[in-house]
């Protein structure tokens, strides 16, 4: 059996602040892997009659998505696995390497983003593959367990690994057609670095966490039987809401995960289910929308679409009809002065995911912020299926100067001044954060749950919110203000600073 030579360096895939990257290499830069963010693209060279397997890993940091382009250079055949919706990077890279994308494989119906399978089918003619347990509204090749896709010398094998969802699959990668051991496994949302996929997201459609957790237990144990040296390439990394303990490393090995991943340690089935369902972050409201969208035939996204620039009068008319104004500047800039009613979700953070926590997918959105940022905001929102971005309120600074009567500021309270007396103190962090400590007297409402729990707060009483560092809390108080809450403020520096003033975790 031939040995693969692995070579790597890195380059950015795109210039925007979403930090999308691919792993890229050349033989002149061969060195041991010391992995740091941002991720890169990896080529794997198979030393066998000049055969060359192209293996590229792309990481979209703002959604913690990992996707893959795998090709056989001898035949020019390639596949993309779990693509993001704006597919230009895959198409350009394939063309540059003389590859034709013949198939796009989804490991499951994603809930955290709308994938680019329909876009690749439309633009590249790629056949869409799912596991046989999937049911989609568009033409699909439903792969059976252990079915193989032969690209040439490079072979992919589908394994059914349900648990995160019923239709979840993993992909074994064989650089040589006569290999008996895979070089890698793309685990989708079955196994992450340091975690496993959560089984509790489908309760709204009648599939219980108990049922999926039991399936996940079997799938994880099946994957763990692979040889220790097999590389694990997951579908997500740190920051994803599809798990609670994901590592930032772009890959691992089966052996490393058996040694270090809490969910791969020996334990009874029910203990496993209890462990992996406890302490999960609050799921954004758009998750169900995206899971449904990914199984339906829907409109494709044109990433070159021109976003109209709106006048103040245009924006006011749209807002009166139900649109939401999203201010994409930093929390500090927003707090210093913003248009009344605008919700602050900065492009410098997990922008699309967070918009999806406080705005519904059907709501028209107007974006505003720094000059030239509108297109980036539109693309990032399209990645989660928010296609109703109707325009960009350009020249925000000029608009605020022309309408000073509509400009307000948001107070930021120093940690030393925080008290629960006479104020509704709200902790908007996730369970995994609050279990380590919270401020006495605070009501815990994770940001993703805030729209559904407004009735727990009094609009006529002051609200003071905090998160870990002050980014999510500004989203929270700006959203509350847009919903008619009169006096809102957040804690500067969040619990990172607030917690230093407490004698011990409460």
Protein backbone atom coordinates (compact mmCIF):
# COMPACT_ATOMS: atom_id res chain seq x y z
CA UNK A 1 0.00 0.00 0.00
CA UNK A 2 1.34 3.41 -0.93
CA UNK A 3 2.04 5.98 1.76
CA UNK A 4 0.51 9.46 1.49
CA UNK A 5 2.80 12.45 1.88
CA UNK A 6 1.07 15.27 3.70
CA UNK A 7 2.14 18.84 3.05
CA UNK A 8 0.66 22.07 4.28
CA UNK A 9 0.85 25.82 4.62
CA UNK A 10 -1.96 28.36 4.67
CA UNK A 11 -3.64 31.21 2.83
CA UNK A 12 -6.88 33.12 3.39
CA UNK A 13 -9.84 32.10 1.25
CA UNK A 14 -11.59 35.45 1.52
CA UNK A 15 -10.76 38.88 2.75
CA UNK A 16 -13.88 39.63 4.77
CA UNK A 17 -14.05 39.57 8.51
CA UNK A 18 -15.99 36.29 8.42
CA UNK A 19 -12.55 34.63 8.42
CA UNK A 20 -13.23 32.02 5.77
CA UNK A 21 -10.04 30.08 5.05
CA UNK A 22 -8.90 27.07 3.11
CA UNK A 23 -5.94 24.80 3.69
CA UNK A 24 -3.39 25.06 0.89
CA UNK A 25 0.11 23.68 0.33
CA UNK A 26 3.20 23.08 -1.71
CA UNK A 27 5.97 20.51 -1.48
CA UNK A 28 8.47 23.29 -0.87
CA UNK A 29 6.90 24.01 2.51
CA UNK A 30 6.75 20.51 4.01
CA UNK A 31 7.04 20.59 7.80
CA UNK A 32 5.36 18.97 10.78
CA UNK A 33 1.85 20.21 11.43
CA UNK A 34 1.68 22.85 14.14
CA UNK A 35 -1.94 23.87 13.86
CA UNK A 36 -3.07 27.34 14.76
CA UNK A 37 -6.08 29.34 13.65
CA UNK A 38 -6.78 30.41 11.00
CA UNK A 39 -7.04 27.06 9.24
CA UNK A 40 -5.47 26.24 5.89
CA UNK A 41 -5.95 23.94 2.90
CA UNK A 42 -4.23 20.56 2.92
CA UNK A 43 -3.07 18.64 -0.12
CA UNK A 44 -2.35 14.97 0.34
CA UNK A 45 0.08 13.55 -2.16
CA UNK A 46 -0.18 9.84 -2.81
CA UNK A 47 3.18 8.37 -3.77
CA UNK A 48 1.88 5.89 -6.30
CA UNK A 49 2.58 6.15 -10.01
CA UNK A 50 2.39 9.93 -9.83
CA UNK A 51 -1.19 9.86 -8.56
CA UNK A 52 -2.18 13.00 -6.66
CA UNK A 53 -5.08 13.32 -4.26
CA UNK A 54 -6.25 16.86 -3.66
CA UNK A 55 -7.76 17.37 -0.24
CA UNK A 56 -8.79 20.85 0.81
CA UNK A 57 -10.36 21.81 4.09
CA UNK A 58 -12.20 25.12 4.32
CA UNK A 59 -13.13 26.73 7.59
CA UNK A 60 -15.68 29.52 7.85
CA UNK A 61 -14.87 30.96 11.24
CA UNK A 62 -17.96 33.14 11.71
CA UNK A 63 -20.16 30.01 11.61
CA UNK A 64 -17.51 27.45 12.65
CA UNK A 65 -18.21 25.44 9.47
CA UNK A 66 -15.67 23.01 8.02
CA UNK A 67 -16.19 21.88 4.42
CA UNK A 68 -14.06 19.87 2.03
CA UNK A 69 -13.01 19.56 -1.61
CA UNK A 70 -11.58 16.16 -2.51
CA UNK A 71 -10.34 15.35 -5.98
CA UNK A 72 -8.34 12.85 -8.01
CA UNK A 73 -5.93 14.73 -10.24
CA UNK A 74 -5.42 11.76 -12.55
CA UNK A 75 -9.10 11.73 -13.56
CA UNK A 76 -10.03 15.33 -12.76
CA UNK A 77 -13.06 14.16 -10.77
CA UNK A 78 -13.93 15.88 -7.49
CA UNK A 79 -16.57 16.17 -4.78
CA UNK A 80 -17.44 18.84 -2.23
CA UNK A 81 -18.64 17.86 1.21
CA UNK A 82 -20.90 20.08 3.35
CA UNK A 83 -20.39 23.32 1.35
CA UNK A 84 -21.34 26.76 2.56
CA UNK A 85 -23.94 28.51 0.45
CA UNK A 86 -21.63 30.93 -1.37
CA UNK A 87 -19.73 28.37 -3.44
CA UNK A 88 -17.35 30.56 -5.44
CA UNK A 89 -14.28 29.37 -3.55
CA UNK A 90 -14.88 25.71 -4.35
CA UNK A 91 -15.63 26.39 -8.01
CA UNK A 92 -12.56 28.60 -8.44
CA UNK A 93 -10.24 26.17 -6.65
CA UNK A 94 -11.53 23.19 -8.64
CA UNK A 95 -11.07 25.04 -11.92
CA UNK A 96 -7.55 26.14 -10.95
CA UNK A 97 -6.61 22.50 -10.29
CA UNK A 98 -8.24 21.10 -13.43
CA UNK A 99 -11.03 19.39 -11.50
CA UNK A 100 -14.72 18.95 -12.28
CA UNK A 101 -17.03 18.87 -9.26
CA UNK A 102 -19.21 15.85 -10.03
CA UNK A 103 -20.92 15.40 -6.69
CA UNK A 104 -21.78 17.31 -3.54
CA UNK A 105 -22.24 15.23 -0.38
CA UNK A 106 -24.14 16.46 2.66
CA UNK A 107 -23.48 14.57 5.86
CA UNK A 108 -26.95 15.60 7.09
CA UNK A 109 -29.59 18.31 6.86
CA UNK A 110 -27.73 21.14 8.55
CA UNK A 111 -29.56 23.33 11.03
CA UNK A 112 -26.95 26.05 11.55
CA UNK A 113 -26.53 27.08 7.92
CA UNK A 114 -28.06 26.64 4.48
CA UNK A 115 -25.62 24.57 2.49
CA UNK A 116 -24.59 25.15 -1.12
CA UNK A 117 -25.77 21.86 -2.58
CA UNK A 118 -28.38 23.40 -4.86
CA UNK A 119 -25.92 26.06 -5.99
CA UNK A 120 -23.31 23.42 -6.92
CA UNK A 121 -25.94 21.34 -8.71
CA UNK A 122 -27.00 24.40 -10.70
CA UNK A 123 -23.59 25.88 -11.49
CA UNK A 124 -21.38 22.79 -11.71
CA UNK A 125 -23.91 20.09 -12.59
CA UNK A 126 -22.99 18.19 -9.42
CA UNK A 127 -25.10 15.24 -8.29
CA UNK A 128 -26.38 15.66 -4.72
CA UNK A 129 -25.69 12.81 -2.29
CA UNK A 130 -27.32 12.15 1.09
CA UNK A 131 -27.49 9.10 3.30
CA UNK A 132 -30.34 6.70 2.57
CA UNK A 133 -32.33 7.81 5.64
CA UNK A 134 -32.73 11.33 4.22
CA UNK A 135 -35.86 12.59 2.48
CA UNK A 136 -35.43 15.62 0.21
CA UNK A 137 -37.67 17.54 -2.19
CA UNK A 138 -35.11 17.62 -5.02
CA UNK A 139 -33.23 14.96 -7.02
CA UNK A 140 -30.83 13.10 -4.74
CA UNK A 141 -28.62 10.02 -4.85
CA UNK A 142 -29.38 8.25 -1.56
CA UNK A 143 -26.21 6.40 -0.59
CA UNK A 144 -26.50 3.11 1.25
CA UNK A 145 -24.23 2.19 4.13
CA UNK A 146 -20.74 1.23 2.88
CA UNK A 147 -21.51 2.50 -0.65
CA UNK A 148 -18.41 3.77 -2.43
CA UNK A 149 -17.83 6.72 -4.72
CA UNK A 150 -14.80 6.06 -6.95
CA UNK A 151 -13.09 9.20 -8.22
CA UNK A 152 -10.24 7.27 -9.81
CA UNK A 153 -7.53 6.04 -7.50
CA UNK A 154 -9.17 8.05 -4.74
CA UNK A 155 -12.19 6.35 -3.16
CA UNK A 156 -14.80 7.62 -0.70
CA UNK A 157 -17.00 5.32 1.37
CA UNK A 158 -20.25 6.33 3.06
CA UNK A 159 -21.00 5.16 6.58
CA UNK A 160 -24.40 5.64 8.21
CA UNK A 161 -23.71 7.37 11.55
CA UNK A 162 -27.10 8.61 12.83
CA UNK A 163 -27.49 10.40 16.14
CA UNK A 164 -27.07 14.11 15.59
CA UNK A 165 -29.84 13.60 13.02
CA UNK A 166 -31.42 10.37 11.75
CA UNK A 167 -29.85 10.69 8.27
CA UNK A 168 -26.31 11.59 9.38
CA UNK A 169 -23.41 9.96 7.54
CA UNK A 170 -19.61 9.99 7.73
CA UNK A 171 -17.20 9.70 4.79
CA UNK A 172 -14.13 7.45 4.79
CA UNK A 173 -11.29 8.70 2.56
CA UNK A 174 -9.00 6.19 0.79
CA UNK A 175 -6.16 7.84 -1.18
CA UNK A 176 -5.52 4.55 -3.00
CA UNK A 177 -8.24 2.25 -4.30
CA UNK A 178 -6.57 -0.85 -2.81
CA UNK A 179 -6.08 0.66 0.67
CA UNK A 180 -7.62 -1.46 3.38
CA UNK A 181 -7.42 1.30 5.99
CA UNK A 182 -8.80 4.79 5.38
CA UNK A 183 -6.45 7.74 5.68
CA UNK A 184 -9.20 9.91 7.16
CA UNK A 185 -12.85 10.02 8.09
CA UNK A 186 -15.04 13.10 7.62
CA UNK A 187 -17.33 12.76 10.60
CA UNK A 188 -19.82 15.55 9.89
CA UNK A 189 -21.59 16.19 13.20
CA UNK A 190 -20.99 12.73 14.67
CA UNK A 191 -17.58 13.33 16.26
CA UNK A 192 -15.93 16.72 16.69
CA UNK A 193 -12.51 17.44 18.10
CA UNK A 194 -13.29 17.13 21.81
CA UNK A 195 -17.02 16.58 21.48
CA UNK A 196 -19.86 14.86 19.64
CA UNK A 197 -22.91 16.25 17.86
CA UNK A 198 -25.80 17.20 20.09
CA UNK A 199 -28.86 14.92 19.74
CA UNK A 200 -31.44 17.36 21.11
CA UNK A 201 -32.25 19.66 18.18
CA UNK A 202 -35.17 17.80 16.61
CA UNK A 203 -37.61 17.69 19.48
CA UNK A 204 -39.80 20.25 17.69
CA UNK A 205 -40.50 17.72 14.95
CA UNK A 206 -41.08 14.81 17.31
CA UNK A 207 -37.66 13.12 17.39
CA UNK A 208 -36.48 12.91 20.98
CA UNK A 209 -33.00 13.45 22.33
CA UNK A 210 -33.29 10.04 23.97
CA UNK A 211 -33.87 8.34 20.62
CA UNK A 212 -31.14 10.20 18.77
CA UNK A 213 -28.75 9.96 21.70
CA UNK A 214 -29.04 6.18 21.62
CA UNK A 215 -28.28 6.16 17.89
CA UNK A 216 -25.33 8.50 18.46
CA UNK A 217 -23.93 6.13 21.08
CA UNK A 218 -23.81 3.34 18.49
CA UNK A 219 -22.39 5.59 15.77
CA UNK A 220 -19.62 6.97 17.97
CA UNK A 221 -18.61 3.45 18.99
CA UNK A 222 -18.59 2.33 15.37
CA UNK A 223 -16.29 5.19 14.40
CA UNK A 224 -14.08 4.55 17.42
CA UNK A 225 -13.34 1.07 16.08
CA UNK A 226 -11.36 2.57 13.20
CA UNK A 227 -7.57 2.36 13.61
CA UNK A 228 -6.07 4.95 15.93
CA UNK A 229 -4.06 6.63 13.17
CA UNK A 230 -7.10 7.51 11.06
CA UNK A 231 -7.53 11.27 10.90
CA UNK A 232 -10.81 12.83 12.05
CA UNK A 233 -12.01 15.81 10.02
CA UNK A 234 -15.21 17.20 11.61
CA UNK A 235 -17.98 19.39 10.26
CA UNK A 236 -17.53 22.11 12.89
CA UNK A 237 -14.99 23.62 15.24
CA UNK A 238 -15.04 25.77 18.39
CA UNK A 239 -17.93 28.22 18.63
CA UNK A 240 -20.54 26.05 16.93
CA UNK A 241 -23.86 25.59 18.70
CA UNK A 242 -23.99 22.00 17.37
CA UNK A 243 -22.05 20.90 20.46
CA UNK A 244 -20.85 22.23 23.79
CA UNK A 245 -17.13 21.44 23.98
CA UNK A 246 -15.71 21.67 20.45
CA UNK A 247 -11.98 22.20 20.09
CA UNK A 248 -10.40 24.75 17.77
CA UNK A 249 -8.08 22.24 16.08
CA UNK A 250 -9.07 21.54 12.46
CA UNK A 251 -8.49 17.80 12.75
CA UNK A 252 -7.49 15.04 15.13
CA UNK A 253 -7.14 11.26 15.04
CA UNK A 254 -9.32 8.42 16.24
CA UNK A 255 -6.66 7.55 18.82
CA UNK A 256 -6.46 11.08 20.19
CA UNK A 257 -10.24 11.33 20.46
CA UNK A 258 -10.50 8.01 22.28
CA UNK A 259 -7.94 9.33 24.75
CA UNK A 260 -9.24 12.87 25.26
CA UNK A 261 -12.85 13.25 24.10
CA UNK A 262 -15.19 13.06 27.11
CA UNK A 263 -17.95 11.43 25.04
CA UNK A 264 -15.73 8.60 23.77
CA UNK A 265 -14.84 7.32 27.21
CA UNK A 266 -16.29 3.94 28.27
CA UNK A 267 -19.73 4.36 29.85
CA UNK A 268 -23.20 2.83 29.75
CA UNK A 269 -25.57 3.99 27.01
CA UNK A 270 -27.86 6.03 29.30
CA UNK A 271 -24.92 7.75 30.97
CA UNK A 272 -23.72 8.77 27.50
CA UNK A 273 -27.14 10.16 26.58
CA UNK A 274 -27.40 12.10 29.84
CA UNK A 275 -23.88 13.48 29.42
CA UNK A 276 -24.16 14.68 25.82
CA UNK A 277 -27.57 16.30 26.31
CA UNK A 278 -26.63 18.24 29.45
CA UNK A 279 -25.34 21.81 29.29
CA UNK A 280 -25.90 22.37 25.58
CA UNK A 281 -26.01 26.01 24.42
CA UNK A 282 -29.38 27.54 23.61
CA UNK A 283 -30.10 26.88 19.94
CA UNK A 284 -30.76 29.95 17.79
CA UNK A 285 -34.34 30.29 16.55
CA UNK A 286 -33.33 29.94 12.91
CA UNK A 287 -32.06 26.36 13.33
CA UNK A 288 -35.41 24.76 12.57
CA UNK A 289 -35.88 27.06 9.57
CA UNK A 290 -32.52 26.01 8.11
CA UNK A 291 -33.03 22.30 8.76
CA UNK A 292 -36.30 22.49 6.83
CA UNK A 293 -34.84 24.71 4.08
CA UNK A 294 -31.97 22.29 3.45
CA UNK A 295 -34.38 19.47 2.66
CA UNK A 296 -36.57 21.59 0.39
CA UNK A 297 -36.07 22.81 -3.15
CA UNK A 298 -35.45 26.52 -2.60
CA UNK A 299 -34.12 29.53 -4.51
CA UNK A 300 -30.36 29.52 -5.05
CA UNK A 301 -28.15 32.38 -3.89
CA UNK A 302 -26.27 34.73 -6.20
CA UNK A 303 -23.27 35.94 -4.22
CA UNK A 304 -22.69 38.70 -6.81
CA UNK A 305 -26.14 40.16 -6.20
CA UNK A 306 -26.18 43.96 -5.89
CA UNK A 307 -27.65 45.20 -2.60
CA UNK A 308 -29.66 48.40 -3.12
CA UNK A 309 -28.62 51.51 -1.21
CA UNK A 310 -31.59 53.04 0.60
CA UNK A 311 -32.29 56.63 1.51
CA UNK A 312 -33.52 57.46 4.98
CA UNK A 313 -37.03 57.87 3.59
CA UNK A 314 -36.82 54.47 1.87
CA UNK A 315 -35.65 52.83 5.08
CA UNK A 316 -38.37 54.49 7.16
CA UNK A 317 -40.99 53.21 4.75
CA UNK A 318 -39.63 49.66 4.91
CA UNK A 319 -39.41 49.77 8.71
CA UNK A 320 -42.99 50.99 8.95
CA UNK A 321 -43.98 47.97 6.84
CA UNK A 322 -42.21 45.58 9.23
CA UNK A 323 -38.50 45.59 8.33
CA UNK A 324 -35.80 45.51 11.02
CA UNK A 325 -32.79 47.84 10.94
CA UNK A 326 -29.59 45.99 11.88
CA UNK A 327 -26.61 48.16 12.82
CA UNK A 328 -23.47 46.15 12.03
CA UNK A 329 -20.95 48.36 13.85
CA UNK A 330 -19.07 47.40 17.00
CA UNK A 331 -20.88 47.57 20.34
CA UNK A 332 -18.79 50.58 21.39
CA UNK A 333 -19.66 52.56 18.26
CA UNK A 334 -23.31 51.60 18.53
CA UNK A 335 -23.49 52.57 22.20
CA UNK A 336 -22.01 55.99 21.47
CA UNK A 337 -24.83 56.82 19.08
CA UNK A 338 -27.30 55.02 16.82
CA UNK A 339 -30.65 55.39 15.13
CA UNK A 340 -33.49 54.68 17.53
CA UNK A 341 -34.94 51.20 17.03
CA UNK A 342 -31.83 49.71 15.40
CA UNK A 343 -30.68 46.31 16.64
CA UNK A 344 -26.90 46.03 17.07
CA UNK A 345 -25.20 42.88 15.76
CA UNK A 346 -21.60 43.64 14.87
CA UNK A 347 -19.83 42.20 11.85
CA UNK A 348 -16.83 41.75 14.13
CA UNK A 349 -18.49 38.73 15.78
CA UNK A 350 -20.75 35.77 14.97
CA UNK A 351 -22.93 38.08 12.94
CA UNK A 352 -25.34 35.84 11.00
CA UNK A 353 -25.86 33.33 13.79
CA UNK A 354 -26.65 36.13 16.22
CA UNK A 355 -29.03 37.93 13.88
CA UNK A 356 -30.79 34.57 13.64
CA UNK A 357 -31.28 34.61 17.40
CA UNK A 358 -33.25 37.86 17.49
CA UNK A 359 -34.75 38.23 13.99
CA UNK A 360 -36.90 35.71 12.12
CA UNK A 361 -35.95 34.47 8.66
CA UNK A 362 -39.12 35.91 7.14
CA UNK A 363 -38.53 39.44 8.45
CA UNK A 364 -37.16 41.96 5.91
CA UNK A 365 -33.79 43.31 7.04
CA UNK A 366 -32.10 46.64 6.35
CA UNK A 367 -28.41 46.75 7.21
CA UNK A 368 -26.38 49.80 8.09
CA UNK A 369 -22.95 50.48 9.49
CA UNK A 370 -19.49 51.21 8.16
CA UNK A 371 -19.30 52.27 4.49
CA UNK A 372 -19.10 49.30 2.12
CA UNK A 373 -20.10 46.69 4.69
CA UNK A 374 -23.57 46.04 3.30
CA UNK A 375 -22.60 43.38 0.77
CA UNK A 376 -20.66 41.40 3.36
CA UNK A 377 -23.63 41.51 5.71
CA UNK A 378 -25.94 40.30 2.93
CA UNK A 379 -23.68 37.35 2.04
CA UNK A 380 -23.27 36.31 5.64
CA UNK A 381 -27.01 36.43 6.26
CA UNK A 382 -27.66 34.41 3.09
CA UNK A 383 -25.46 31.67 4.56
CA UNK A 384 -28.15 31.02 7.16
CA UNK A 385 -30.99 31.39 4.68
CA UNK A 386 -31.91 34.98 5.53
CA UNK A 387 -32.60 36.14 1.99
CA UNK A 388 -34.88 39.08 2.82
CA UNK A 389 -32.10 41.68 3.04
CA UNK A 390 -33.84 44.51 1.23
CA UNK A 391 -31.15 47.18 1.28
CA UNK A 392 -28.28 49.06 2.89
CA UNK A 393 -28.90 52.39 4.61
CA UNK A 394 -25.77 54.06 3.28
CA UNK A 395 -23.81 56.91 4.88
CA UNK A 396 -24.98 56.18 8.40
CA UNK A 397 -22.84 58.97 9.82
CA UNK A 398 -24.45 61.44 7.42
CA UNK A 399 -27.95 60.16 8.19
CA UNK A 400 -27.40 60.56 11.95
CA UNK A 401 -25.97 64.05 11.45
CA UNK A 402 -29.03 65.02 9.40
CA UNK A 403 -31.49 63.54 11.92
CA UNK A 404 -30.05 64.21 15.40
CA UNK A 405 -33.53 63.93 16.93
CA UNK A 406 -33.56 60.22 15.98
CA UNK A 407 -30.13 59.43 17.44
CA UNK A 408 -29.86 57.83 20.87
CA UNK A 409 -27.08 56.27 22.92
CA UNK A 410 -26.92 53.20 25.15
CA UNK A 411 -25.45 53.33 28.62
CA UNK A 412 -22.66 50.93 29.56
CA UNK A 413 -22.30 50.35 33.29
CA UNK A 414 -18.92 49.78 34.93
CA UNK A 415 -18.69 46.37 36.70
CA UNK A 416 -18.08 48.00 40.09
CA UNK A 417 -21.42 49.79 39.81
CA UNK A 418 -23.50 46.68 39.11
CA UNK A 419 -26.25 45.76 41.53
CA UNK A 420 -29.48 43.80 41.21
CA UNK A 421 -31.29 46.37 43.35
CA UNK A 422 -33.94 48.36 41.48
CA UNK A 423 -33.06 46.83 38.13
CA UNK A 424 -33.83 43.67 36.16
CA UNK A 425 -30.37 42.13 35.91
CA UNK A 426 -30.21 39.66 33.01
CA UNK A 427 -27.42 37.18 32.27
CA UNK A 428 -27.61 36.30 28.55
CA UNK A 429 -24.85 33.68 28.53
CA UNK A 430 -25.30 29.99 27.73
CA UNK A 431 -25.69 27.18 30.31
CA UNK A 432 -22.08 26.04 30.01
CA UNK A 433 -21.02 29.55 31.02
CA UNK A 434 -23.50 30.30 33.77
CA UNK A 435 -22.91 26.99 35.55
CA UNK A 436 -19.44 28.33 36.41
CA UNK A 437 -20.91 31.34 38.18
CA UNK A 438 -23.33 34.22 37.82
CA UNK A 439 -24.00 37.51 39.58
CA UNK A 440 -26.32 37.29 42.62
CA UNK A 441 -29.87 38.22 41.73
CA UNK A 442 -29.45 37.84 37.96
CA UNK A 443 -32.14 36.23 35.82
CA UNK A 444 -30.56 33.81 33.34
CA UNK A 445 -31.99 34.14 29.84
CA UNK A 446 -29.59 32.95 27.10
CA UNK A 447 -29.58 35.38 24.18
CA UNK A 448 -31.08 32.80 21.81
CA UNK A 449 -34.07 32.43 24.16
CA UNK A 450 -34.66 36.14 24.73
CA UNK A 451 -37.32 36.70 22.01
CA UNK A 452 -39.42 33.86 23.43
CA UNK A 453 -39.10 34.97 27.04
CA UNK A 454 -39.87 38.67 26.86
CA UNK A 455 -42.91 38.17 29.09
CA UNK A 456 -40.53 37.39 31.98
CA UNK A 457 -39.34 41.00 31.95
CA UNK A 458 -41.20 44.23 32.72
CA UNK A 459 -40.92 46.83 29.94
CA UNK A 460 -41.52 49.62 32.45
CA UNK A 461 -38.60 48.67 34.69
CA UNK A 462 -34.88 49.22 33.95
CA UNK A 463 -32.95 46.31 32.42
CA UNK A 464 -29.22 45.74 32.86
CA UNK A 465 -27.77 42.87 30.81
CA UNK A 466 -24.38 41.22 30.76
CA UNK A 467 -22.68 38.42 28.81
CA UNK A 468 -19.09 37.20 28.88
CA UNK A 469 -17.36 40.22 27.38
CA UNK A 470 -19.93 42.82 26.31
CA UNK A 471 -20.77 41.82 22.72
CA UNK A 472 -23.90 39.69 23.19
CA UNK A 473 -25.21 41.97 25.93
CA UNK A 474 -25.33 44.90 23.50
CA UNK A 475 -27.28 42.71 21.08
CA UNK A 476 -29.66 41.90 23.93
CA UNK A 477 -30.30 45.45 25.14
CA UNK A 478 -30.61 46.83 21.60
CA UNK A 479 -33.17 44.14 20.85
CA UNK A 480 -35.07 44.91 24.06
CA UNK A 481 -35.11 48.61 23.16
CA UNK A 482 -36.50 47.74 19.72
CA UNK A 483 -39.29 45.83 21.49
CA UNK A 484 -40.37 48.79 23.57
CA UNK A 485 -38.28 48.42 26.73
CA UNK A 486 -37.70 51.95 27.97
CA UNK A 487 -34.48 51.95 30.03
CA UNK A 488 -31.77 49.47 29.02
CA UNK A 489 -28.03 49.24 29.63
CA UNK A 490 -25.30 46.63 29.57
CA UNK A 491 -22.24 45.84 31.67
CA UNK A 492 -18.96 46.98 30.15
CA UNK A 493 -16.55 44.06 29.96
CA UNK A 494 -19.23 41.54 30.89
CA UNK A 495 -18.78 38.72 33.36
CA UNK A 496 -15.08 38.51 32.56
CA UNK A 497 -14.74 41.74 34.55
CA UNK A 498 -17.80 41.39 36.75
CA UNK A 499 -16.73 37.98 38.02
CA UNK A 500 -13.46 39.41 39.36
CA UNK A 501 -15.49 41.37 41.89
CA UNK A 502 -17.27 38.30 43.29
CA UNK A 503 -15.71 36.43 46.24
CA UNK A 504 -16.52 33.02 44.73
CA UNK A 505 -18.77 31.49 42.04
CA UNK A 506 -22.41 31.63 43.08
